[in-house]
PDB file of N, CA and C in Angstrom:
ATOM      1  N   SER A   1       0.865  -1.069  -0.021  1.00  0.00           N
ATOM      2  CA  SER A   1      -0.039  -0.084  -0.346  1.00  0.00           C
ATOM      3  C   SER A   1       1.075   0.880  -0.314  1.00  0.00           C
ATOM      4  N   LEU A   2       0.064   2.463  -0.448  1.00  0.00           N
ATOM      5  CA  LEU A   2       1.328   3.671  -0.550  1.00  0.00           C
ATOM      6  C   LEU A   2       1.681   4.036   0.608  1.00  0.00           C
ATOM      7  N   LYS A   3       0.576   3.647   1.364  1.00  0.00           N
ATOM      8  CA  LYS A   3       0.558   5.013   2.827  1.00  0.00           C
ATOM      9  C   LYS A   3       1.330   4.422   4.049  1.00  0.00           C
ATOM     10  N   ASP A   4       1.547   2.331   3.253  1.00  0.00           N
ATOM     11  CA  ASP A   4       2.265   2.217   4.212  1.00  0.00           C
ATOM     12  C   ASP A   4       3.949   2.781   3.858  1.00  0.00           C
ATOM     13  N   SER A   5       4.281   3.405   3.105  1.00  0.00           N
ATOM     14  CA  SER A   5       5.870   4.342   3.025  1.00  0.00           C
ATOM     15  C   SER A   5       6.465   4.337   3.403  1.00  0.00           C
ATOM     16  N   VAL A   6       7.856   4.635   3.614  1.00  0.00           N
ATOM     17  CA  VAL A   6       7.945   5.570   4.621  1.00  0.00           C
ATOM     18  C   VAL A   6       8.316   6.776   3.657  1.00  0.00           C
ATOM     19  N   ASP A   7       9.191   6.122   2.779  1.00  0.00           N
ATOM     20  CA  ASP A   7      10.161   7.088   2.206  1.00  0.00           C
ATOM     21  C   ASP A   7       9.439   7.688   0.707  1.00  0.00           C
ATOM     22  N   GLY A   8       7.959   7.117   0.815  1.00  0.00           N
ATOM     23  CA  GLY A   8       7.201   7.373  -0.387  1.00  0.00           C
ATOM     24  C   GLY A   8       7.155   6.571  -2.062  1.00  0.00           C
ATOM     25  N   VAL A   9       6.482   6.586  -3.288  1.00  0.00           N
ATOM     26  CA  VAL A   9       6.823   6.017  -3.893  1.00  0.00           C
ATOM     27  C   VAL A   9       7.052   6.487  -5.340  1.00  0.00           C
ATOM     28  N   ARG A  10       7.781   6.693  -5.711  1.00  0.00           N
ATOM     29  CA  ARG A  10       8.424   7.192  -6.751  1.00  0.00           C
ATOM     30  C   ARG A  10       8.432   6.180  -8.352  1.00  0.00           C
ATOM     31  N   ILE A  11       6.870   6.684  -9.417  1.00  0.00           N
ATOM     32  CA  ILE A  11       7.046   6.268 -10.034  1.00  0.00           C
ATOM     33  C   ILE A  11       8.080   6.655 -11.573  1.00  0.00           C
ATOM     34  N   ARG A  12       8.048   6.238 -12.787  1.00  0.00           N
ATOM     35  CA  ARG A  12       8.244   6.996 -13.401  1.00  0.00           C
ATOM     36  C   ARG A  12       7.683   5.963 -14.600  1.00  0.00           C
ATOM     37  N   LEU A  13       6.236   6.897 -15.549  1.00  0.00           N
ATOM     38  CA  LEU A  13       5.476   6.559 -15.901  1.00  0.00           C
ATOM     39  C   LEU A  13       5.677   7.678 -18.192  1.00  0.00           C
ATOM     40  N   LEU A  14       4.868   5.444 -18.246  1.00  0.00           N
ATOM     41  CA  LEU A  14       5.413   5.861 -19.680  1.00  0.00           C
ATOM     42  C   LEU A  14       4.119   5.872 -20.717  1.00  0.00           C
ATOM     43  N   GLY A  15       3.318   6.852 -21.229  1.00  0.00           N
ATOM     44  CA  GLY A  15       2.068   6.412 -22.819  1.00  0.00           C
ATOM     45  C   GLY A  15       1.276   6.533 -21.242  1.00  0.00           C
ATOM     46  N   GLU A  16       1.322   7.035 -20.172  1.00  0.00           N
ATOM     47  CA  GLU A  16      -0.604   6.748 -19.755  1.00  0.00           C
ATOM     48  C   GLU A  16      -0.508   7.766 -18.745  1.00  0.00           C
ATOM     49  N   ASP A  17      -2.048   8.368 -19.135  1.00  0.00           N
ATOM     50  CA  ASP A  17      -2.249   9.942 -17.931  1.00  0.00           C
ATOM     51  C   ASP A  17      -1.532  10.245 -17.447  1.00  0.00           C
ATOM     52  N   PRO A  18      -0.754  11.382 -15.966  1.00  0.00           N
ATOM     53  CA  PRO A  18      -0.446  11.594 -15.359  1.00  0.00           C
ATOM     54  C   PRO A  18      -1.690  11.999 -14.175  1.00  0.00           C
ATOM     55  N   ALA A  19      -2.587  12.402 -14.861  1.00  0.00           N
ATOM     56  CA  ALA A  19      -3.298  12.482 -14.499  1.00  0.00           C
ATOM     57  C   ALA A  19      -4.430  11.770 -13.594  1.00  0.00           C
ATOM     58  N   ALA A  20      -4.460  10.683 -14.210  1.00  0.00           N
ATOM     59  CA  ALA A  20      -5.190   9.759 -14.130  1.00  0.00           C
ATOM     60  C   ALA A  20      -4.624   8.993 -12.527  1.00  0.00           C
ATOM     61  N   LEU A  21      -3.163   8.805 -12.927  1.00  0.00           N
ATOM     62  CA  LEU A  21      -3.144   8.108 -11.867  1.00  0.00           C
ATOM     63  C   LEU A  21      -2.781   8.839 -10.607  1.00  0.00           C
ATOM     64  N   ALA A  22      -2.541   9.621 -10.383  1.00  0.00           N
ATOM     65  CA  ALA A  22      -2.611  11.592  -9.803  1.00  0.00           C
ATOM     66  C   ALA A  22      -3.851  10.758  -8.675  1.00  0.00           C
ATOM     67  N   ALA A  23      -5.089  10.751  -9.795  1.00  0.00           N
ATOM     68  CA  ALA A  23      -5.659  10.714  -8.642  1.00  0.00           C
ATOM     69  C   ALA A  23      -7.036   9.428  -8.679  1.00  0.00           C
ATOM     70  N   ALA A  24      -5.129   8.448  -9.513  1.00  0.00           N
ATOM     71  CA  ALA A  24      -5.398   6.926  -8.370  1.00  0.00           C
ATOM     72  C   ALA A  24      -4.922   6.796  -7.045  1.00  0.00           C
ATOM     73  N   THR A  25      -4.270   7.059  -7.140  1.00  0.00           N
ATOM     74  CA  THR A  25      -3.304   7.735  -5.469  1.00  0.00           C
ATOM     75  C   THR A  25      -3.506   8.048  -4.601  1.00  0.00           C
ATOM     76  N   GLU A  26      -5.160   9.238  -4.775  1.00  0.00           N
ATOM     77  CA  GLU A  26      -5.685   9.693  -4.293  1.00  0.00           C
ATOM     78  C   GLU A  26      -5.296  11.475  -3.480  1.00  0.00           C
ATOM     79  N   GLY A  27      -3.759  11.904  -5.177  1.00  0.00           N
ATOM     80  CA  GLY A  27      -3.050  13.197  -4.917  1.00  0.00           C
ATOM     81  C   GLY A  27      -2.279  12.641  -4.080  1.00  0.00           C
ATOM     82  N   SER A  28      -2.216  11.356  -3.198  1.00  0.00           N
ATOM     83  CA  SER A  28      -0.664  11.597  -2.250  1.00  0.00           C
ATOM     84  C   SER A  28       0.342  11.715  -2.601  1.00  0.00           C
ATOM     85  N   VAL A  29       0.934  12.815  -1.319  1.00  0.00           N
ATOM     86  CA  VAL A  29       2.096  13.831  -1.302  1.00  0.00           C
ATOM     87  C   VAL A  29       3.131  12.972  -1.702  1.00  0.00           C
ATOM     88  N   ASP A  30       2.935  11.649  -1.261  1.00  0.00           N
ATOM     89  CA  ASP A  30       4.318  10.646  -0.918  1.00  0.00           C
ATOM     90  C   ASP A  30       4.547  10.208  -2.270  1.00  0.00           C
ATOM     91  N   VAL A  31       3.780  10.015  -3.152  1.00  0.00           N
ATOM     92  CA  VAL A  31       3.969   9.753  -4.504  1.00  0.00           C
ATOM     93  C   VAL A  31       4.278  10.845  -5.386  1.00  0.00           C
ATOM     94  N   ALA A  32       5.646  10.428  -5.897  1.00  0.00           N
ATOM     95  CA  ALA A  32       6.369  11.498  -6.798  1.00  0.00           C
ATOM     96  C   ALA A  32       6.490  10.609  -8.484  1.00  0.00           C
ATOM     97  N   ILE A  33       5.695  11.530  -9.475  1.00  0.00           N
ATOM     98  CA  ILE A  33       5.261  11.162 -10.811  1.00  0.00           C
ATOM     99  C   ILE A  33       6.411  11.365 -12.339  1.00  0.00           C
ATOM    100  N   TYR A  34       6.675  10.694 -12.377  1.00  0.00           N
ATOM    101  CA  TYR A  34       7.743  11.400 -14.154  1.00  0.00           C
ATOM    102  C   TYR A  34       7.485  10.560 -14.556  1.00  0.00           C
ATOM    103  N   ALA A  35       6.367  11.575 -16.064  1.00  0.00           N
ATOM    104  CA  ALA A  35       5.999  11.520 -16.906  1.00  0.00           C
ATOM    105  C   ALA A  35       6.007  12.328 -17.886  1.00  0.00           C
ATOM    106  N   ASP A  36       7.787  12.629 -17.538  1.00  0.00           N
ATOM    107  CA  ASP A  36       7.747  13.270 -18.429  1.00  0.00           C
ATOM    108  C   ASP A  36       8.461  12.735 -19.911  1.00  0.00           C
ATOM    109  N   GLU A  37       8.593  13.162 -20.951  1.00  0.00           N
ATOM    110  CA  GLU A  37       9.913  11.939 -21.926  1.00  0.00           C
ATOM    111  C   GLU A  37      11.004  11.243 -21.487  1.00  0.00           C
ATOM    112  N   VAL A  38      11.292  10.748 -22.127  1.00  0.00           N
ATOM    113  CA  VAL A  38      12.324   9.346 -21.665  1.00  0.00           C
ATOM    114  C   VAL A  38      13.117  10.563 -22.702  1.00  0.00           C
ATOM    115  N   SER A  39      14.526  10.329 -21.825  1.00  0.00           N
ATOM    116  CA  SER A  39      15.695  11.120 -22.315  1.00  0.00           C
ATOM    117  C   SER A  39      16.839   9.964 -22.559  1.00  0.00           C
ATOM    118  N   PRO A  40      16.934  10.080 -23.650  1.00  0.00           N
ATOM    119  CA  PRO A  40      17.951   9.442 -24.203  1.00  0.00           C
ATOM    120  C   PRO A  40      19.412   8.980 -23.746  1.00  0.00           C
ATOM    121  N   CYS A  41      20.069   9.173 -21.896  1.00  0.00           N
ATOM    122  CA  CYS A  41      20.415   9.496 -21.721  1.00  0.00           C
ATOM    123  C   CYS A  41      19.855   8.179 -20.371  1.00  0.00           C
ATOM    124  N   GLY A  42      20.539   7.616 -20.415  1.00  0.00           N
ATOM    125  CA  GLY A  42      20.027   6.326 -19.378  1.00  0.00           C
ATOM    126  C   GLY A  42      21.250   7.099 -17.506  1.00  0.00           C
ATOM    127  N   ARG A  43      21.797   7.585 -17.625  1.00  0.00           N
ATOM    128  CA  ARG A  43      22.131   8.358 -16.795  1.00  0.00           C
ATOM    129  C   ARG A  43      20.775   8.989 -16.319  1.00  0.00           C
ATOM    130  N   VAL A  44      20.763  10.317 -16.490  1.00  0.00           N
ATOM    131  CA  VAL A  44      19.336  11.060 -16.579  1.00  0.00           C
ATOM    132  C   VAL A  44      18.031  10.278 -16.416  1.00  0.00           C
ATOM    133  N   GLU A  45      17.726   9.211 -17.026  1.00  0.00           N
ATOM    134  CA  GLU A  45      16.925   9.124 -16.280  1.00  0.00           C
ATOM    135  C   GLU A  45      16.464   8.386 -14.936  1.00  0.00           C
ATOM    136  N   LEU A  46      18.087   8.378 -14.093  1.00  0.00           N
ATOM    137  CA  LEU A  46      18.472   7.034 -12.811  1.00  0.00           C
ATOM    138  C   LEU A  46      18.308   8.015 -11.810  1.00  0.00           C
ATOM    139  N   LEU A  47      18.667   9.579 -12.756  1.00  0.00           N
ATOM    140  CA  LEU A  47      18.811  10.125 -11.369  1.00  0.00           C
ATOM    141  C   LEU A  47      17.825  10.547 -10.411  1.00  0.00           C
ATOM    142  N   PRO A  48      16.747  10.046 -10.575  1.00  0.00           N
ATOM    143  CA  PRO A  48      15.460  10.629  -9.476  1.00  0.00           C
ATOM    144  C   PRO A  48      15.049   8.616  -7.912  1.00  0.00           C
ATOM    145  N   TYR A  49      16.804   8.140  -9.089  1.00  0.00           N
ATOM    146  CA  TYR A  49      15.956   6.615  -8.329  1.00  0.00           C
ATOM    147  C   TYR A  49      17.351   6.411  -7.527  1.00  0.00           C
ATOM    148  N   VAL A  50      18.251   7.064  -7.718  1.00  0.00           N
ATOM    149  CA  VAL A  50      20.014   6.412  -6.777  1.00  0.00           C
ATOM    150  C   VAL A  50      20.005   7.592  -5.776  1.00  0.00           C
ATOM    151  N   VAL A  51      20.847   7.496  -4.551  1.00  0.00           N
ATOM    152  CA  VAL A  51      21.711   7.916  -3.574  1.00  0.00           C
ATOM    153  C   VAL A  51      22.425   7.852  -4.463  1.00  0.00           C
ATOM    154  N   GLU A  52      23.709   8.889  -4.213  1.00  0.00           N
ATOM    155  CA  GLU A  52      24.611   9.288  -4.161  1.00  0.00           C
ATOM    156  C   GLU A  52      25.257   8.799  -2.919  1.00  0.00           C
ATOM    157  N   GLN A  53      27.076   7.733  -3.694  1.00  0.00           N
ATOM    158  CA  GLN A  53      27.710   7.614  -2.288  1.00  0.00           C
ATOM    159  C   GLN A  53      28.924   7.519  -2.403  1.00  0.00           C
ATOM    160  N   ALA A  54      29.662   8.025  -1.829  1.00  0.00           N
ATOM    161  CA  ALA A  54      31.308   8.037  -1.399  1.00  0.00           C
ATOM    162  C   ALA A  54      31.363   7.305  -0.600  1.00  0.00           C
ATOM    163  N   VAL A  55      33.031   6.581  -0.391  1.00  0.00           N
ATOM    164  CA  VAL A  55      33.464   5.990   0.073  1.00  0.00           C
ATOM    165  C   VAL A  55      34.914   6.349   0.516  1.00  0.00           C
ATOM    166  N   SER A  56      35.468   6.792   1.464  1.00  0.00           N
ATOM    167  CA  SER A  56      37.872   6.070   2.049  1.00  0.00           C
ATOM    168  C   SER A  56      37.920   6.138   2.316  1.00  0.00           C
ATOM    169  N   ALA A  57      39.158   6.101   2.321  1.00  0.00           N
ATOM    170  CA  ALA A  57      39.638   5.195   3.607  1.00  0.00           C
ATOM    171  C   ALA A  57      40.580   6.126   3.532  1.00  0.00           C
ATOM    172  N   THR A  58      41.901   6.173   4.874  1.00  0.00           N
ATOM    173  CA  THR A  58      43.283   7.608   4.972  1.00  0.00           C
ATOM    174  C   THR A  58      44.128   6.198   5.577  1.00  0.00           C
ATOM    175  N   ASN A  59      45.020   6.638   5.146  1.00  0.00           N
ATOM    176  CA  ASN A  59      46.523   5.563   5.251  1.00  0.00           C
ATOM    177  C   ASN A  59      47.144   6.769   6.482  1.00  0.00           C
ATOM    178  N   HIS A  60      46.975   6.942   7.491  1.00  0.00           N
ATOM    179  CA  HIS A  60      47.441   8.509   8.616  1.00  0.00           C
ATOM    180  C   HIS A  60      48.929   8.550   7.876  1.00  0.00           C
ATOM    181  N   ARG A  61      49.299   9.336   8.209  1.00  0.00           N
ATOM    182  CA  ARG A  61      50.510   9.805   8.164  1.00  0.00           C
ATOM    183  C   ARG A  61      52.055   9.480   9.231  1.00  0.00           C
ATOM    184  N   PHE A  62      51.251   9.362  10.304  1.00  0.00           N
ATOM    185  CA  PHE A  62      52.139   9.153  11.356  1.00  0.00           C
ATOM    186  C   PHE A  62      52.016   7.311  11.550  1.00  0.00           C
ATOM    187  N   GLY A  63      51.791   6.566  10.893  1.00  0.00           N
ATOM    188  CA  GLY A  63      52.479   4.967  11.003  1.00  0.00           C
ATOM    189  C   GLY A  63      50.846   4.204  11.467  1.00  0.00           C
ATOM    190  N   ASN A  64      49.114   4.353  10.998  1.00  0.00           N
ATOM    191  CA  ASN A  64      48.466   4.598  11.110  1.00  0.00           C
ATOM    192  C   ASN A  64      47.572   3.333  10.804  1.00  0.00           C
ATOM    193  N   HIS A  65      48.689   3.069   9.584  1.00  0.00           N
ATOM    194  CA  HIS A  65      48.085   1.866   8.667  1.00  0.00           C
ATOM    195  C   HIS A  65      46.855   1.688   8.123  1.00  0.00           C
ATOM    196  N   THR A  66      46.493   1.719   7.621  1.00  0.00           N
ATOM    197  CA  THR A  66      45.080   0.509   7.337  1.00  0.00           C
ATOM    198  C   THR A  66      45.544  -0.489   5.872  1.00  0.00           C
ATOM    199  N   THR A  67      44.798  -1.741   5.509  1.00  0.00           N
ATOM    200  CA  THR A  67      45.082  -2.820   5.311  1.00  0.00           C
ATOM    201  C   THR A  67      44.753  -2.913   4.058  1.00  0.00           C
ATOM    202  N   LEU A  68      43.558  -2.075   3.694  1.00  0.00           N
ATOM    203  CA  LEU A  68      41.660  -2.249   2.965  1.00  0.00           C
ATOM    204  C   LEU A  68      42.142  -1.127   1.851  1.00  0.00           C
ATOM    205  N   LEU A  69      44.112  -0.137   1.316  1.00  0.00           N
ATOM    206  CA  LEU A  69      44.401  -0.181  -0.149  1.00  0.00           C
ATOM    207  C   LEU A  69      44.946  -0.745  -0.273  1.00  0.00           C
ATOM    208  N   ASP A  70      45.597  -2.139   0.162  1.00  0.00           N
ATOM    209  CA  ASP A  70      46.835  -2.423  -0.147  1.00  0.00           C
ATOM    210  C   ASP A  70      46.373  -2.999  -0.922  1.00  0.00           C
ATOM    211  N   SER A  71      44.697  -3.827  -2.023  1.00  0.00           N
ATOM    212  CA  SER A  71      44.736  -4.486  -2.671  1.00  0.00           C
ATOM    213  C   SER A  71      44.944  -2.927  -4.304  1.00  0.00           C
ATOM    214  N   ILE A  72      43.993  -2.299  -4.117  1.00  0.00           N
ATOM    215  CA  ILE A  72      44.275  -0.425  -4.815  1.00  0.00           C
ATOM    216  C   ILE A  72      45.610  -0.042  -4.941  1.00  0.00           C
ATOM    217  N   LEU A  73      45.564  -0.198  -4.072  1.00  0.00           N
ATOM    218  CA  LEU A  73      47.194   1.341  -4.627  1.00  0.00           C
ATOM    219  C   LEU A  73      48.593   0.792  -4.340  1.00  0.00           C
TER     220      LEU A  73
END
């Protein structure tokens, strides 16, 4: 159920009426409807659905060496 979702729902709508979908969800603010034309760039299409993540590991200059980077560096 849409009402049970904590983060809301994102819908990529293709070839249908966004107003009808909004009415079917009772205009819930927890539902994001993406009904624009499809972009030829897949990365642009995925932006609403992915979260950027950064990972870092530091080898401290005073000798506190981490082995996490041994296979990368």
